[in-house]
């Protein structure tokens, strides 16, 4: 059913896109988690005005298909950046912004809305009685956050954050629409040269499954380690 020679050759070509894909995925995960955490804190502390803005942001980015956000960023981000640079007198042609940068910004914006929900849920799971007990023992707010709140929130959020990593990996496959070559795009390009589409897509599936397995096992190990420490 499969051509062994084709599988070996295609595997080498498709695997070449793995480092780029992982680099983009890690970048998106880090920035979206930071942004989502800030949004979650705004909601958790019920900061006026900012809370309403965060809710509106989440509704917009969770409701609009990600591919539309990517196209909006592709066509709208360079002109917007060009306008902002002109306001501050910076001579830079934003229309030369690499497509992979546009993809990272667009996906980060979408994933941040989901990360905010994850962190918000983890914050809500924290027992406020522990905070009262810590304050009674003389803990400062910074000590409470570092020694009590943060470790428990991280442990509670790890399973959902693991899922978000795989969502990011799948979202990056939409980058083919704006000519960003990652695992899926590379499999399409490889198959287009020799017309062995089945082989190329099977290789892509295996690669995604291996990445998912490694991420899941790493997250399980990290969660167990943190539970033992906390």
N, C-alpha and C. Protein backbone atom coordinates (compact mmCIF):
# COMPACT_ATOMS: atom_id res chain seq x y z
N UNK A 1 0.83 -1.22 0.00
CA UNK A 1 0.00 0.00 0.00
C UNK A 1 0.86 1.26 0.00
N UNK A 2 1.92 1.24 0.82
CA UNK A 2 2.82 2.38 0.88
C UNK A 2 4.13 2.06 0.18
N UNK A 3 4.70 3.09 -0.43
CA UNK A 3 6.01 2.97 -1.04
C UNK A 3 7.06 3.32 0.01
N UNK A 4 7.85 2.32 0.38
CA UNK A 4 8.82 2.52 1.46
C UNK A 4 9.82 3.61 1.13
N UNK A 5 10.31 3.62 -0.10
CA UNK A 5 11.28 4.64 -0.50
C UNK A 5 10.69 6.04 -0.41
N UNK A 6 9.43 6.14 -0.80
CA UNK A 6 8.74 7.43 -0.74
C UNK A 6 8.56 7.88 0.71
N UNK A 7 8.20 6.94 1.58
CA UNK A 7 8.01 7.27 2.99
C UNK A 7 9.30 7.81 3.60
N UNK A 8 10.42 7.17 3.30
CA UNK A 8 11.70 7.60 3.86
C UNK A 8 12.08 8.98 3.35
N UNK A 9 11.94 9.18 2.04
CA UNK A 9 12.30 10.47 1.45
C UNK A 9 11.38 11.59 1.94
N UNK A 10 10.08 11.32 1.97
CA UNK A 10 9.14 12.34 2.42
C UNK A 10 9.32 12.65 3.90
N UNK A 11 9.67 11.64 4.70
CA UNK A 11 9.87 11.86 6.13
C UNK A 11 10.98 12.87 6.38
N UNK A 12 12.06 12.76 5.61
CA UNK A 12 13.17 13.69 5.78
C UNK A 12 12.74 15.12 5.47
N UNK A 13 11.97 15.28 4.42
CA UNK A 13 11.55 16.63 4.02
C UNK A 13 10.54 17.21 5.01
N UNK A 14 9.59 16.40 5.44
CA UNK A 14 8.56 16.90 6.36
C UNK A 14 9.14 17.17 7.74
N UNK A 15 10.08 16.31 8.17
CA UNK A 15 10.72 16.53 9.48
C UNK A 15 11.51 17.83 9.53
N UNK A 16 11.93 18.32 8.37
CA UNK A 16 12.69 19.57 8.35
C UNK A 16 11.84 20.76 8.80
N UNK A 17 10.52 20.60 8.75
CA UNK A 17 9.62 21.68 9.17
C UNK A 17 9.29 21.62 10.65
N UNK A 18 9.69 20.55 11.33
CA UNK A 18 9.35 20.38 12.74
C UNK A 18 9.98 21.46 13.63
N UNK A 19 11.29 21.76 13.50
CA UNK A 19 11.88 22.78 14.38
C UNK A 19 11.19 24.14 14.26
N UNK A 20 10.87 24.55 13.04
CA UNK A 20 10.20 25.84 12.83
C UNK A 20 8.82 25.83 13.47
N UNK A 21 8.09 24.73 13.28
CA UNK A 21 6.75 24.61 13.85
C UNK A 21 6.79 24.67 15.37
N UNK A 22 7.71 23.93 15.97
CA UNK A 22 7.82 23.92 17.43
C UNK A 22 8.24 25.29 17.97
N UNK A 23 9.13 25.95 17.25
CA UNK A 23 9.56 27.29 17.69
C UNK A 23 8.39 28.26 17.69
N UNK A 24 7.58 28.22 16.65
CA UNK A 24 6.41 29.09 16.59
C UNK A 24 5.41 28.71 17.68
N UNK A 25 5.21 27.42 17.90
CA UNK A 25 4.25 26.96 18.91
C UNK A 25 4.67 27.40 20.31
N UNK A 26 5.95 27.26 20.63
CA UNK A 26 6.45 27.67 21.96
C UNK A 26 6.29 29.18 22.14
N UNK A 27 6.63 29.94 21.09
CA UNK A 27 6.50 31.40 21.16
C UNK A 27 5.06 31.82 21.41
N UNK A 28 4.14 31.21 20.67
CA UNK A 28 2.72 31.52 20.84
C UNK A 28 2.25 31.12 22.22
N UNK A 29 2.67 29.95 22.69
CA UNK A 29 2.25 29.47 24.01
C UNK A 29 2.71 30.42 25.11
N UNK A 30 3.95 30.85 25.04
CA UNK A 30 4.50 31.72 26.09
C UNK A 30 3.77 33.06 26.12
N UNK A 31 3.66 33.70 24.96
CA UNK A 31 3.05 35.03 24.92
C UNK A 31 1.55 34.97 25.21
N UNK A 32 0.87 33.96 24.68
CA UNK A 32 -0.57 33.85 24.93
C UNK A 32 -0.86 33.55 26.40
N UNK A 33 0.01 32.78 27.04
CA UNK A 33 -0.16 32.48 28.46
C UNK A 33 0.06 33.72 29.31
N UNK A 34 1.06 34.51 28.96
CA UNK A 34 1.32 35.75 29.70
C UNK A 34 0.14 36.71 29.56
N UNK A 35 -0.30 36.90 28.31
CA UNK A 35 -1.43 37.81 28.07
C UNK A 35 -2.70 37.28 28.73
N UNK A 36 -2.95 35.99 28.56
CA UNK A 36 -4.14 35.38 29.17
C UNK A 36 -4.13 35.47 30.68
N UNK A 37 -2.95 35.34 31.28
CA UNK A 37 -2.85 35.44 32.75
C UNK A 37 -3.17 36.85 33.22
N UNK A 38 -2.70 37.85 32.47
CA UNK A 38 -3.02 39.24 32.82
C UNK A 38 -4.52 39.49 32.70
N UNK A 39 -5.12 38.96 31.65
CA UNK A 39 -6.58 39.10 31.48
C UNK A 39 -7.32 38.43 32.64
N UNK A 40 -6.85 37.23 33.01
CA UNK A 40 -7.50 36.49 34.10
C UNK A 40 -7.40 37.24 35.41
N UNK A 41 -6.26 37.87 35.68
CA UNK A 41 -6.11 38.64 36.91
C UNK A 41 -7.04 39.85 36.92
N UNK A 42 -7.20 40.47 35.75
CA UNK A 42 -8.11 41.61 35.66
C UNK A 42 -9.53 41.18 36.00
N UNK A 43 -9.94 40.03 35.46
CA UNK A 43 -11.29 39.53 35.74
C UNK A 43 -11.42 39.07 37.19
N UNK A 44 -10.38 38.40 37.68
CA UNK A 44 -10.44 37.85 39.04
C UNK A 44 -10.55 38.97 40.07
N UNK A 45 -9.87 40.06 39.84
CA UNK A 45 -9.91 41.19 40.78
C UNK A 45 -11.01 42.20 40.44
N UNK A 46 -11.74 41.90 39.37
CA UNK A 46 -12.89 42.73 38.97
C UNK A 46 -12.52 44.20 38.84
N UNK A 47 -11.47 44.47 38.09
CA UNK A 47 -11.03 45.86 37.87
C UNK A 47 -12.01 46.54 36.92
N UNK A 48 -12.62 47.63 37.34
CA UNK A 48 -13.61 48.30 36.50
C UNK A 48 -13.04 48.71 35.14
N UNK A 49 -13.87 48.75 34.14
CA UNK A 49 -13.55 49.13 32.76
C UNK A 49 -12.67 48.08 32.09
N UNK A 50 -11.51 47.80 32.71
CA UNK A 50 -10.62 46.79 32.13
C UNK A 50 -11.30 45.43 32.06
N UNK A 51 -12.08 45.12 33.07
CA UNK A 51 -12.78 43.83 33.08
C UNK A 51 -13.75 43.74 31.91
N UNK A 52 -14.48 44.80 31.64
CA UNK A 52 -15.42 44.81 30.52
C UNK A 52 -14.69 44.69 29.19
N UNK A 53 -13.53 45.33 29.08
CA UNK A 53 -12.74 45.23 27.86
C UNK A 53 -12.22 43.82 27.63
N UNK A 54 -11.81 43.18 28.71
CA UNK A 54 -11.31 41.80 28.62
C UNK A 54 -12.44 40.86 28.18
N UNK A 55 -13.61 41.03 28.77
CA UNK A 55 -14.76 40.19 28.40
C UNK A 55 -15.10 40.38 26.92
N UNK A 56 -15.08 41.62 26.45
CA UNK A 56 -15.36 41.89 25.04
C UNK A 56 -14.30 41.26 24.14
N UNK A 57 -13.05 41.32 24.58
CA UNK A 57 -11.95 40.71 23.82
C UNK A 57 -12.15 39.20 23.70
N UNK A 58 -12.49 38.57 24.80
CA UNK A 58 -12.67 37.11 24.79
C UNK A 58 -13.84 36.71 23.91
N UNK A 59 -14.93 37.46 23.97
CA UNK A 59 -16.08 37.14 23.14
C UNK A 59 -15.71 37.24 21.66
N UNK A 60 -14.95 38.28 21.30
CA UNK A 60 -14.58 38.49 19.91
C UNK A 60 -13.65 37.40 19.40
N UNK A 61 -12.60 37.09 20.15
CA UNK A 61 -11.59 36.15 19.65
C UNK A 61 -12.00 34.70 19.83
N UNK A 62 -12.92 34.43 20.74
CA UNK A 62 -13.41 33.06 20.88
C UNK A 62 -14.53 32.76 19.88
N UNK A 63 -15.19 33.81 19.41
CA UNK A 63 -16.32 33.60 18.52
C UNK A 63 -15.97 33.63 17.04
N UNK A 64 -14.90 34.35 16.70
CA UNK A 64 -14.51 34.48 15.29
C UNK A 64 -13.61 33.31 14.90
N UNK A 65 -13.86 32.64 13.77
CA UNK A 65 -12.98 31.56 13.32
C UNK A 65 -11.53 32.04 13.20
N UNK A 66 -10.61 31.19 13.62
CA UNK A 66 -9.21 31.59 13.67
C UNK A 66 -8.66 31.93 12.28
N UNK A 67 -9.14 31.24 11.25
CA UNK A 67 -8.63 31.52 9.91
C UNK A 67 -9.00 32.94 9.48
N UNK A 68 -10.15 33.45 9.93
CA UNK A 68 -10.54 34.82 9.61
C UNK A 68 -9.60 35.80 10.32
N UNK A 69 -9.28 35.50 11.57
CA UNK A 69 -8.35 36.37 12.32
C UNK A 69 -6.99 36.40 11.62
N UNK A 70 -6.55 35.26 11.12
CA UNK A 70 -5.26 35.19 10.42
C UNK A 70 -5.29 36.05 9.16
N UNK A 71 -6.36 35.99 8.40
CA UNK A 71 -6.46 36.80 7.19
C UNK A 71 -6.58 38.28 7.53
N UNK A 72 -7.32 38.61 8.60
CA UNK A 72 -7.42 40.00 9.02
C UNK A 72 -6.04 40.55 9.40
N UNK A 73 -5.27 39.73 10.12
CA UNK A 73 -3.92 40.14 10.49
C UNK A 73 -3.02 40.25 9.26
N UNK A 74 -3.19 39.33 8.33
CA UNK A 74 -2.35 39.31 7.12
C UNK A 74 -2.56 40.57 6.28
N UNK A 75 -3.81 40.98 6.13
CA UNK A 75 -4.11 42.15 5.31
C UNK A 75 -4.14 43.46 6.10
N UNK A 76 -4.42 43.38 7.41
CA UNK A 76 -4.59 44.61 8.18
C UNK A 76 -3.42 45.00 9.05
N UNK A 77 -2.64 44.02 9.50
CA UNK A 77 -1.55 44.33 10.44
C UNK A 77 -0.44 45.19 9.82
N UNK A 78 0.07 44.86 8.64
CA UNK A 78 1.13 45.71 8.05
C UNK A 78 0.72 47.17 7.88
N UNK A 79 -0.47 47.47 7.31
CA UNK A 79 -0.85 48.89 7.21
C UNK A 79 -0.99 49.56 8.58
N UNK A 80 -1.52 48.82 9.56
CA UNK A 80 -1.66 49.39 10.90
C UNK A 80 -0.30 49.71 11.51
N UNK A 81 0.64 48.77 11.37
CA UNK A 81 1.99 49.01 11.89
C UNK A 81 2.67 50.16 11.17
N UNK A 82 2.45 50.24 9.85
CA UNK A 82 3.04 51.32 9.06
C UNK A 82 2.53 52.68 9.55
N UNK A 83 1.23 52.73 9.86
CA UNK A 83 0.65 53.98 10.37
C UNK A 83 1.23 54.35 11.73
N UNK A 84 1.38 53.35 12.61
CA UNK A 84 1.92 53.61 13.95
C UNK A 84 3.38 54.06 13.86
N UNK A 85 4.16 53.42 12.99
CA UNK A 85 5.56 53.81 12.83
C UNK A 85 5.67 55.24 12.30
N UNK A 86 4.77 55.62 11.41
CA UNK A 86 4.80 56.98 10.85
C UNK A 86 4.48 58.02 11.92
N UNK A 87 3.64 57.64 12.89
CA UNK A 87 3.29 58.58 13.95
C UNK A 87 4.47 58.91 14.84
N UNK A 88 5.34 57.91 15.06
CA UNK A 88 6.50 58.13 15.94
C UNK A 88 7.76 58.46 15.16
N UNK A 89 7.60 58.60 13.84
CA UNK A 89 8.73 59.01 13.01
C UNK A 89 9.75 57.92 12.71
N UNK A 90 9.34 56.65 12.83
CA UNK A 90 10.24 55.54 12.54
C UNK A 90 10.13 55.17 11.07
N UNK A 91 11.27 55.12 10.40
CA UNK A 91 11.30 54.80 8.97
C UNK A 91 11.46 53.29 8.79
N UNK A 92 10.33 52.61 8.75
CA UNK A 92 10.35 51.15 8.58
C UNK A 92 9.18 50.73 7.71
N UNK A 93 9.45 49.89 6.73
CA UNK A 93 8.40 49.42 5.84
C UNK A 93 7.74 48.19 6.46
N UNK A 94 6.60 48.39 7.11
CA UNK A 94 5.92 47.29 7.80
C UNK A 94 5.32 46.29 6.83
N UNK A 95 5.22 46.67 5.56
CA UNK A 95 4.67 45.74 4.57
C UNK A 95 5.64 44.58 4.30
N UNK A 96 6.86 44.71 4.78
CA UNK A 96 7.83 43.62 4.64
C UNK A 96 7.82 42.68 5.84
N UNK A 97 6.84 42.83 6.71
CA UNK A 97 6.73 41.96 7.88
C UNK A 97 6.59 40.51 7.43
N UNK A 98 7.44 39.61 7.91
CA UNK A 98 7.35 38.20 7.49
C UNK A 98 6.00 37.59 7.82
N UNK A 99 5.54 36.69 6.97
CA UNK A 99 4.24 36.07 7.19
C UNK A 99 4.19 35.26 8.48
N UNK A 100 5.35 34.67 8.86
CA UNK A 100 5.34 33.87 10.08
C UNK A 100 5.14 34.75 11.32
N UNK A 101 5.59 36.01 11.26
CA UNK A 101 5.35 36.94 12.36
C UNK A 101 3.86 37.26 12.45
N UNK A 102 3.24 37.49 11.29
CA UNK A 102 1.80 37.75 11.25
C UNK A 102 1.02 36.57 11.82
N UNK A 103 1.44 35.37 11.45
CA UNK A 103 0.78 34.16 11.94
C UNK A 103 0.89 34.05 13.46
N UNK A 104 2.07 34.29 13.99
CA UNK A 104 2.29 34.20 15.43
C UNK A 104 1.42 35.21 16.17
N UNK A 105 1.35 36.43 15.66
CA UNK A 105 0.54 37.47 16.31
C UNK A 105 -0.94 37.10 16.28
N UNK A 106 -1.41 36.63 15.12
CA UNK A 106 -2.83 36.29 14.98
C UNK A 106 -3.23 35.13 15.89
N UNK A 107 -2.44 34.07 15.88
CA UNK A 107 -2.77 32.89 16.70
C UNK A 107 -2.62 33.22 18.18
N UNK A 108 -1.62 34.01 18.53
CA UNK A 108 -1.44 34.42 19.92
C UNK A 108 -2.67 35.18 20.41
N UNK A 109 -3.19 36.08 19.57
CA UNK A 109 -4.37 36.83 19.95
C UNK A 109 -5.57 35.94 20.21
N UNK A 110 -5.72 34.90 19.39
CA UNK A 110 -6.85 33.97 19.57
C UNK A 110 -6.65 33.09 20.80
N UNK A 111 -5.48 32.51 20.93
CA UNK A 111 -5.22 31.57 22.03
C UNK A 111 -5.23 32.28 23.37
N UNK A 112 -4.84 33.55 23.41
CA UNK A 112 -4.83 34.30 24.67
C UNK A 112 -6.21 34.35 25.31
N UNK A 113 -7.25 34.39 24.47
CA UNK A 113 -8.62 34.41 25.00
C UNK A 113 -8.94 33.11 25.72
N UNK A 114 -8.45 31.99 25.18
CA UNK A 114 -8.69 30.70 25.82
C UNK A 114 -7.79 30.51 27.05
N UNK A 115 -6.56 31.00 26.96
CA UNK A 115 -5.66 30.91 28.11
C UNK A 115 -6.21 31.71 29.29
N UNK A 116 -6.87 32.83 29.00
CA UNK A 116 -7.47 33.62 30.07
C UNK A 116 -8.52 32.82 30.82
N UNK A 117 -9.30 32.03 30.10
CA UNK A 117 -10.31 31.20 30.74
C UNK A 117 -9.67 30.11 31.60
N UNK A 118 -8.58 29.54 31.10
CA UNK A 118 -7.89 28.48 31.84
C UNK A 118 -7.33 29.01 33.15
N UNK A 119 -6.61 30.14 33.07
CA UNK A 119 -6.01 30.72 34.27
C UNK A 119 -7.10 31.22 35.23
N UNK A 120 -8.16 31.78 34.68
CA UNK A 120 -9.28 32.24 35.51
C UNK A 120 -9.88 31.07 36.29
N UNK A 121 -10.09 29.95 35.62
CA UNK A 121 -10.61 28.77 36.30
C UNK A 121 -9.68 28.27 37.39
N UNK A 122 -8.38 28.31 37.12
CA UNK A 122 -7.41 27.89 38.13
C UNK A 122 -7.41 28.82 39.33
N UNK A 123 -7.55 30.13 39.07
CA UNK A 123 -7.60 31.10 40.16
C UNK A 123 -8.86 30.90 41.01
N UNK A 124 -9.96 30.61 40.34
CA UNK A 124 -11.22 30.42 41.07
C UNK A 124 -11.22 29.14 41.91
N UNK A 125 -10.35 28.18 41.52
CA UNK A 125 -10.27 26.93 42.27
C UNK A 125 -9.47 27.07 43.57
N UNK A 126 -8.79 28.20 43.71
CA UNK A 126 -7.97 28.41 44.91
C UNK A 126 -8.86 28.69 46.11
N UNK A 127 -8.58 28.00 47.19
CA UNK A 127 -9.35 28.14 48.43
C UNK A 127 -8.92 29.43 49.14
N UNK A 128 -9.84 30.37 49.23
CA UNK A 128 -9.50 31.64 49.87
C UNK A 128 -9.19 31.48 51.35
N UNK A 129 -9.65 30.38 51.94
CA UNK A 129 -9.32 30.13 53.34
C UNK A 129 -7.83 30.00 53.56
N UNK A 130 -7.12 29.48 52.56
CA UNK A 130 -5.66 29.37 52.67
C UNK A 130 -5.02 30.76 52.70
N UNK A 131 -5.60 31.69 51.95
CA UNK A 131 -5.07 33.05 51.95
C UNK A 131 -5.26 33.69 53.33
N UNK A 132 -6.42 33.48 53.92
CA UNK A 132 -6.67 34.02 55.26
C UNK A 132 -5.71 33.41 56.28
N UNK A 133 -5.46 32.11 56.14
CA UNK A 133 -4.54 31.44 57.07
C UNK A 133 -3.12 31.97 56.89
N UNK A 134 -2.73 32.20 55.63
CA UNK A 134 -1.38 32.72 55.39
C UNK A 134 -1.21 34.12 55.94
N UNK A 135 -2.23 34.96 55.78
CA UNK A 135 -2.15 36.32 56.33
C UNK A 135 -2.09 36.29 57.85
N UNK A 136 -2.80 35.34 58.46
CA UNK A 136 -2.78 35.24 59.92
C UNK A 136 -1.41 34.82 60.43
N UNK A 137 -0.64 34.14 59.57
CA UNK A 137 0.72 33.73 59.95
C UNK A 137 1.76 34.79 59.62
N UNK A 138 1.30 35.92 59.10
CA UNK A 138 2.21 37.03 58.83
C UNK A 138 2.75 37.08 57.42
N UNK A 139 2.16 36.30 56.50
CA UNK A 139 2.62 36.31 55.12
C UNK A 139 2.26 37.65 54.46
N UNK A 140 3.20 38.20 53.72
CA UNK A 140 2.91 39.35 52.89
C UNK A 140 2.21 38.88 51.60
N UNK A 141 1.64 39.82 50.87
CA UNK A 141 0.93 39.47 49.63
C UNK A 141 1.86 38.79 48.64
N UNK A 142 3.10 39.29 48.54
CA UNK A 142 4.06 38.69 47.62
C UNK A 142 4.42 37.27 48.04
N UNK A 143 4.56 37.03 49.34
CA UNK A 143 4.86 35.69 49.84
C UNK A 143 3.68 34.75 49.63
N UNK A 144 2.47 35.27 49.83
CA UNK A 144 1.28 34.46 49.60
C UNK A 144 1.20 34.02 48.15
N UNK A 145 1.48 34.94 47.25
CA UNK A 145 1.42 34.61 45.82
C UNK A 145 2.49 33.60 45.45
N UNK A 146 3.72 33.82 45.92
CA UNK A 146 4.84 32.99 45.52
C UNK A 146 4.81 31.60 46.15
N UNK A 147 4.42 31.51 47.42
CA UNK A 147 4.51 30.24 48.14
C UNK A 147 3.22 29.43 48.19
N UNK A 148 2.08 30.11 48.04
CA UNK A 148 0.80 29.41 48.20
C UNK A 148 -0.03 29.43 46.93
N UNK A 149 -0.33 30.63 46.45
CA UNK A 149 -1.25 30.77 45.32
C UNK A 149 -0.67 30.26 44.01
N UNK A 150 0.50 30.75 43.64
CA UNK A 150 1.08 30.42 42.34
C UNK A 150 1.30 28.93 42.14
N UNK A 151 1.91 28.21 43.11
CA UNK A 151 2.11 26.76 42.88
C UNK A 151 0.81 25.99 42.66
N UNK A 152 -0.24 26.35 43.40
CA UNK A 152 -1.51 25.63 43.27
C UNK A 152 -2.21 25.98 41.96
N UNK A 153 -2.12 27.23 41.53
CA UNK A 153 -2.75 27.65 40.28
C UNK A 153 -2.07 26.97 39.09
N UNK A 154 -0.75 26.88 39.15
CA UNK A 154 -0.01 26.23 38.06
C UNK A 154 -0.41 24.76 37.93
N UNK A 155 -0.47 24.06 39.06
CA UNK A 155 -0.84 22.65 39.04
C UNK A 155 -2.25 22.47 38.49
N UNK A 156 -3.17 23.34 38.91
CA UNK A 156 -4.55 23.24 38.45
C UNK A 156 -4.69 23.53 36.96
N UNK A 157 -3.80 24.37 36.43
CA UNK A 157 -3.91 24.80 35.03
C UNK A 157 -3.17 23.89 34.06
N UNK A 158 -2.25 23.06 34.55
CA UNK A 158 -1.41 22.26 33.66
C UNK A 158 -2.19 21.40 32.68
N UNK A 159 -3.21 20.63 33.10
CA UNK A 159 -3.93 19.79 32.11
C UNK A 159 -4.53 20.59 30.96
N UNK A 160 -5.16 21.72 31.28
CA UNK A 160 -5.77 22.55 30.22
C UNK A 160 -4.71 23.25 29.38
N UNK A 161 -3.62 23.65 30.00
CA UNK A 161 -2.54 24.29 29.24
C UNK A 161 -1.90 23.29 28.28
N UNK A 162 -1.85 22.03 28.69
CA UNK A 162 -1.34 20.99 27.80
C UNK A 162 -2.22 20.87 26.56
N UNK A 163 -3.52 20.91 26.77
CA UNK A 163 -4.44 20.86 25.64
C UNK A 163 -4.26 22.07 24.74
N UNK A 164 -4.01 23.23 25.32
CA UNK A 164 -3.84 24.44 24.51
C UNK A 164 -2.61 24.35 23.62
N UNK A 165 -1.57 23.63 24.07
CA UNK A 165 -0.39 23.45 23.22
C UNK A 165 -0.75 22.71 21.95
N UNK A 166 -1.57 21.67 22.08
CA UNK A 166 -1.97 20.91 20.90
C UNK A 166 -2.93 21.71 20.02
N UNK A 167 -3.74 22.57 20.64
CA UNK A 167 -4.59 23.46 19.85
C UNK A 167 -3.73 24.41 19.03
N UNK A 168 -2.66 24.89 19.63
CA UNK A 168 -1.74 25.77 18.91
C UNK A 168 -1.10 25.04 17.74
N UNK A 169 -0.68 23.80 17.95
CA UNK A 169 -0.06 23.02 16.89
C UNK A 169 -1.02 22.86 15.71
N UNK A 170 -2.27 22.59 16.01
CA UNK A 170 -3.27 22.44 14.94
C UNK A 170 -3.59 23.78 14.29
N UNK A 171 -3.59 24.84 15.08
CA UNK A 171 -3.88 26.17 14.53
C UNK A 171 -2.80 26.62 13.56
N UNK A 172 -1.57 26.22 13.82
CA UNK A 172 -0.47 26.62 12.94
C UNK A 172 -0.62 26.04 11.53
N UNK A 173 -1.37 24.94 11.40
CA UNK A 173 -1.59 24.37 10.07
C UNK A 173 -2.38 25.33 9.17
N UNK A 174 -3.09 26.29 9.78
CA UNK A 174 -3.81 27.29 9.01
C UNK A 174 -2.85 28.29 8.36
N UNK A 175 -1.60 28.28 8.80
CA UNK A 175 -0.61 29.19 8.24
C UNK A 175 -0.34 28.95 6.77
N UNK A 176 -0.71 27.77 6.26
CA UNK A 176 -0.53 27.48 4.85
C UNK A 176 -1.32 28.46 4.00
N UNK A 177 -2.41 29.01 4.57
CA UNK A 177 -3.25 29.95 3.83
C UNK A 177 -2.52 31.26 3.53
N UNK A 178 -1.52 31.61 4.34
CA UNK A 178 -0.74 32.82 4.09
C UNK A 178 0.73 32.46 3.79
N UNK A 179 0.93 31.26 3.30
CA UNK A 179 2.23 30.80 2.79
C UNK A 179 3.29 30.66 3.87
N UNK A 180 2.86 30.24 5.05
CA UNK A 180 3.81 29.89 6.11
C UNK A 180 3.98 28.38 6.10
N UNK A 181 5.21 27.93 5.95
CA UNK A 181 5.47 26.49 5.81
C UNK A 181 5.79 25.89 7.17
N UNK A 182 4.86 25.05 7.66
CA UNK A 182 5.09 24.26 8.87
C UNK A 182 4.86 22.79 8.51
N UNK A 183 4.56 21.94 9.48
CA UNK A 183 4.48 20.50 9.22
C UNK A 183 3.43 20.18 8.16
N UNK A 184 2.23 20.69 8.33
CA UNK A 184 1.16 20.39 7.38
C UNK A 184 1.46 20.96 6.00
N UNK A 185 1.91 22.21 5.97
CA UNK A 185 2.23 22.84 4.68
C UNK A 185 3.35 22.09 3.97
N UNK A 186 4.36 21.67 4.74
CA UNK A 186 5.47 20.94 4.14
C UNK A 186 5.01 19.60 3.58
N UNK A 187 4.09 18.95 4.26
CA UNK A 187 3.57 17.67 3.74
C UNK A 187 2.80 17.89 2.45
N UNK A 188 2.06 19.00 2.35
CA UNK A 188 1.36 19.31 1.11
C UNK A 188 2.32 19.60 -0.02
N UNK A 189 3.34 20.38 0.27
CA UNK A 189 4.33 20.72 -0.76
C UNK A 189 5.09 19.48 -1.21
N UNK A 190 5.43 18.63 -0.27
CA UNK A 190 6.15 17.40 -0.61
C UNK A 190 5.30 16.49 -1.47
N UNK A 191 4.04 16.34 -1.11
CA UNK A 191 3.14 15.47 -1.88
C UNK A 191 2.89 16.03 -3.27
N UNK A 192 2.90 17.35 -3.40
CA UNK A 192 2.63 17.96 -4.70
C UNK A 192 3.74 17.67 -5.71
N UNK A 193 4.92 17.33 -5.21
CA UNK A 193 6.05 17.05 -6.10
C UNK A 193 6.04 15.63 -6.65
N UNK A 194 5.56 14.68 -5.83
CA UNK A 194 5.59 13.27 -6.29
C UNK A 194 4.20 12.63 -6.34
N UNK A 195 3.17 13.36 -5.92
CA UNK A 195 1.77 12.91 -5.96
C UNK A 195 1.47 11.74 -5.01
N UNK A 196 2.36 11.52 -4.03
CA UNK A 196 2.09 10.51 -3.00
C UNK A 196 1.48 11.21 -1.79
N UNK A 197 0.24 11.62 -1.92
CA UNK A 197 -0.42 12.41 -0.88
C UNK A 197 -0.68 11.58 0.38
N UNK A 198 -1.08 10.32 0.21
CA UNK A 198 -1.39 9.48 1.36
C UNK A 198 -0.17 9.31 2.24
N UNK A 199 0.96 9.01 1.63
CA UNK A 199 2.19 8.81 2.39
C UNK A 199 2.58 10.08 3.16
N UNK A 200 2.47 11.22 2.47
CA UNK A 200 2.88 12.48 3.09
C UNK A 200 1.99 12.81 4.29
N UNK A 201 0.70 12.62 4.16
CA UNK A 201 -0.20 12.96 5.24
C UNK A 201 -0.12 11.97 6.39
N UNK A 202 0.17 10.71 6.09
CA UNK A 202 0.38 9.72 7.16
C UNK A 202 1.61 10.10 7.98
N UNK A 203 2.66 10.55 7.31
CA UNK A 203 3.87 10.98 8.02
C UNK A 203 3.55 12.17 8.92
N UNK A 204 2.76 13.12 8.40
CA UNK A 204 2.38 14.29 9.20
C UNK A 204 1.59 13.87 10.43
N UNK A 205 0.67 12.92 10.26
CA UNK A 205 -0.13 12.43 11.39
C UNK A 205 0.77 11.80 12.45
N UNK A 206 1.71 11.00 12.02
CA UNK A 206 2.63 10.35 12.97
C UNK A 206 3.44 11.39 13.74
N UNK A 207 3.91 12.41 13.03
CA UNK A 207 4.70 13.47 13.68
C UNK A 207 3.87 14.20 14.73
N UNK A 208 2.63 14.54 14.37
CA UNK A 208 1.74 15.22 15.32
C UNK A 208 1.47 14.32 16.54
N UNK A 209 1.29 13.03 16.31
CA UNK A 209 1.01 12.11 17.41
C UNK A 209 2.21 11.99 18.34
N UNK A 210 3.40 11.94 17.77
CA UNK A 210 4.61 11.86 18.58
C UNK A 210 4.77 13.12 19.44
N UNK A 211 4.54 14.27 18.83
CA UNK A 211 4.64 15.53 19.57
C UNK A 211 3.60 15.56 20.69
N UNK A 212 2.38 15.12 20.39
CA UNK A 212 1.32 15.10 21.40
C UNK A 212 1.68 14.17 22.55
N UNK A 213 2.27 13.03 22.23
CA UNK A 213 2.67 12.08 23.27
C UNK A 213 3.75 12.68 24.17
N UNK A 214 4.75 13.31 23.56
CA UNK A 214 5.84 13.91 24.33
C UNK A 214 5.32 15.03 25.23
N UNK A 215 4.46 15.88 24.68
CA UNK A 215 3.89 16.99 25.45
C UNK A 215 3.07 16.46 26.62
N UNK A 216 2.24 15.44 26.36
CA UNK A 216 1.39 14.88 27.41
C UNK A 216 2.21 14.25 28.52
N UNK A 217 3.21 13.46 28.16
CA UNK A 217 4.05 12.81 29.16
C UNK A 217 4.84 13.84 29.97
N UNK A 218 5.33 14.85 29.31
CA UNK A 218 6.08 15.90 30.01
C UNK A 218 5.17 16.64 30.99
N UNK A 219 3.95 16.95 30.56
CA UNK A 219 3.00 17.65 31.42
C UNK A 219 2.62 16.80 32.63
N UNK A 220 2.41 15.50 32.42
CA UNK A 220 2.08 14.60 33.53
C UNK A 220 3.21 14.55 34.55
N UNK A 221 4.44 14.45 34.05
CA UNK A 221 5.60 14.42 34.94
C UNK A 221 5.73 15.73 35.71
N UNK A 222 5.51 16.86 35.02
CA UNK A 222 5.62 18.16 35.67
C UNK A 222 4.53 18.34 36.72
N UNK A 223 3.32 17.90 36.40
CA UNK A 223 2.22 18.02 37.35
C UNK A 223 2.47 17.20 38.60
N UNK A 224 2.96 15.96 38.45
CA UNK A 224 3.25 15.12 39.59
C UNK A 224 4.37 15.71 40.44
N UNK A 225 5.39 16.25 39.79
CA UNK A 225 6.51 16.84 40.52
C UNK A 225 6.06 18.04 41.34
N UNK A 226 5.23 18.90 40.75
CA UNK A 226 4.77 20.09 41.44
C UNK A 226 3.83 19.72 42.59
N UNK A 227 3.02 18.67 42.40
CA UNK A 227 2.11 18.26 43.47
C UNK A 227 2.89 17.76 44.67
N UNK A 228 4.00 17.06 44.42
CA UNK A 228 4.81 16.56 45.51
C UNK A 228 5.48 17.71 46.28
N UNK A 229 5.86 18.76 45.54
CA UNK A 229 6.53 19.89 46.20
C UNK A 229 5.54 20.76 46.96
N UNK A 230 4.31 20.86 46.42
CA UNK A 230 3.31 21.68 47.08
C UNK A 230 2.47 20.85 48.05
